C-alpha cells in the first residue's frame, strides 16, 4: 500500500481522536492537554496541530491511556 492510499484510510488529525487529552465540544474536537491549555487555553485540535502551534504536526503532547497500562 502506498502512502497516498494509506492517507485516504486515516482521517485527518486521527491521533487527536485517540488522544486522552481531546474531547468534543459543540461538535468540534478540542485539545485539553495540560501543557497546551496552560499557555493557549482550550483550542480546537486543528488550531493546536497547525505547524506553528503548541502540539504541531507531530502531535507532541499526544497521550493514550493504554501507554501506561501494564500487560
C-alpha atoms as a PDB file:
ATOM      1  CA  UNK A   1       0.000   0.000   0.000  1.00  0.00           C
ATOM      2  CA  UNK A   2       1.440   3.375  -0.926  1.00  0.00           C
ATOM      3  CA  UNK A   3       1.362   6.460   1.283  1.00  0.00           C
ATOM      4  CA  UNK A   4      -1.365   8.184  -0.708  1.00  0.00           C
ATOM      5  CA  UNK A   5      -3.688   5.177  -0.387  1.00  0.00           C
ATOM      6  CA  UNK A   6      -2.972   4.982   3.337  1.00  0.00           C
ATOM      7  CA  UNK A   7      -3.739   8.678   3.802  1.00  0.00           C
ATOM      8  CA  UNK A   8      -7.210   8.101   2.376  1.00  0.00           C
ATOM      9  CA  UNK A   9      -7.918   5.453   5.029  1.00  0.00           C
ATOM     10  CA  UNK A  10      -6.862   7.557   8.033  1.00  0.00           C
ATOM     11  CA  UNK A  11      -8.927  10.677   8.714  1.00  0.00           C
ATOM     12  CA  UNK A  12      -7.112  13.974   9.330  1.00  0.00           C
ATOM     13  CA  UNK A  13      -5.933  14.515  12.910  1.00  0.00           C
ATOM     14  CA  UNK A  14      -6.796  10.906  13.780  1.00  0.00           C
ATOM     15  CA  UNK A  15      -4.207  10.932  16.567  1.00  0.00           C
ATOM     16  CA  UNK A  16      -6.201  13.639  18.323  1.00  0.00           C
ATOM     17  CA  UNK A  17      -9.290  11.454  18.147  1.00  0.00           C
ATOM     18  CA  UNK A  18      -7.402   8.735  20.045  1.00  0.00           C
ATOM     19  CA  UNK A  19      -5.638  11.096  22.462  1.00  0.00           C
ATOM     20  CA  UNK A  20      -6.654  11.153  26.123  1.00  0.00           C
ATOM     21  CA  UNK A  21      -6.427  14.964  26.080  1.00  0.00           C
ATOM     22  CA  UNK A  22      -9.109  15.551  23.451  1.00  0.00           C
ATOM     23  CA  UNK A  23     -12.854  15.945  23.750  1.00  0.00           C
ATOM     24  CA  UNK A  24     -15.737  17.002  21.536  1.00  0.00           C
ATOM     25  CA  UNK A  25     -17.291  20.346  22.392  1.00  0.00           C
ATOM     26  CA  UNK A  26     -20.163  21.712  20.298  1.00  0.00           C
ATOM     27  CA  UNK A  27     -19.358  19.184  17.572  1.00  0.00           C
ATOM     28  CA  UNK A  28     -15.699  20.245  17.325  1.00  0.00           C
ATOM     29  CA  UNK A  29     -12.786  18.255  18.807  1.00  0.00           C
ATOM     30  CA  UNK A  30     -10.773  20.353  21.285  1.00  0.00           C
ATOM     31  CA  UNK A  31      -7.392  19.799  22.935  1.00  0.00           C
ATOM     32  CA  UNK A  32      -7.262  19.705  26.731  1.00  0.00           C
ATOM     33  CA  UNK A  33      -3.565  18.765  27.101  1.00  0.00           C
ATOM     34  CA  UNK A  34      -2.291  20.442  30.279  1.00  0.00           C
ATOM     35  CA  UNK A  35       0.791  21.979  28.633  1.00  0.00           C
ATOM     36  CA  UNK A  36      -1.312  23.332  25.770  1.00  0.00           C
ATOM     37  CA  UNK A  37      -4.173  24.530  27.961  1.00  0.00           C
ATOM     38  CA  UNK A  38      -1.796  26.392  30.296  1.00  0.00           C
ATOM     39  CA  UNK A  39      -0.449  28.598  27.502  1.00  0.00           C
ATOM     40  CA  UNK A  40      -3.150  28.656  24.820  1.00  0.00           C
ATOM     41  CA  UNK A  41      -6.318  27.687  26.677  1.00  0.00           C
ATOM     42  CA  UNK A  42      -8.664  25.092  25.245  1.00  0.00           C
ATOM     43  CA  UNK A  43      -8.475  25.283  21.452  1.00  0.00           C
ATOM     44  CA  UNK A  44      -9.788  23.197  18.538  1.00  0.00           C
ATOM     45  CA  UNK A  45      -7.296  20.489  17.552  1.00  0.00           C
ATOM     46  CA  UNK A  46      -6.937  21.839  14.009  1.00  0.00           C
ATOM     47  CA  UNK A  47      -5.555  25.057  15.536  1.00  0.00           C
ATOM     48  CA  UNK A  48      -3.290  23.300  18.046  1.00  0.00           C
ATOM     49  CA  UNK A  49      -1.903  20.906  15.428  1.00  0.00           C
ATOM     50  CA  UNK A  50      -1.007  23.647  12.926  1.00  0.00           C
ATOM     51  CA  UNK A  51       2.720  23.621  12.210  1.00  0.00           C
ATOM     52  CA  UNK A  52       3.466  26.749  14.233  1.00  0.00           C
ATOM     53  CA  UNK A  53       1.282  25.980  17.235  1.00  0.00           C
ATOM     54  CA  UNK A  54       1.506  24.092  20.530  1.00  0.00           C
ATOM     55  CA  UNK A  55       1.281  20.441  19.541  1.00  0.00           C
ATOM     56  CA  UNK A  56       2.493  20.783  15.970  1.00  0.00           C
ATOM     57  CA  UNK A  57       2.088  18.320  13.128  1.00  0.00           C
ATOM     58  CA  UNK A  58       3.858  15.596  15.131  1.00  0.00           C
ATOM     59  CA  UNK A  59       1.294  15.607  17.982  1.00  0.00           C
ATOM     60  CA  UNK A  60       3.983  16.207  20.605  1.00  0.00           C
ATOM     61  CA  UNK A  61       1.501  16.285  23.526  1.00  0.00           C
ATOM     62  CA  UNK A  62      -0.459  13.190  22.488  1.00  0.00           C
ATOM     63  CA  UNK A  63      -1.165  10.721  25.279  1.00  0.00           C
ATOM     64  CA  UNK A  64      -3.089   7.470  25.266  1.00  0.00           C
ATOM     65  CA  UNK A  65      -4.302   5.725  28.426  1.00  0.00           C
ATOM     66  CA  UNK A  66      -3.038   2.371  27.148  1.00  0.00           C
ATOM     67  CA  UNK A  67       0.563   3.650  27.083  1.00  0.00           C
ATOM     68  CA  UNK A  68       0.601   3.437  30.870  1.00  0.00           C
ATOM     69  CA  UNK A  69      -1.054   0.013  31.013  1.00  0.00           C
ATOM     70  CA  UNK A  70       0.929  -2.986  32.237  1.00  0.00           C
ATOM     71  CA  UNK A  71       0.322  -6.254  30.408  1.00  0.00           C
END
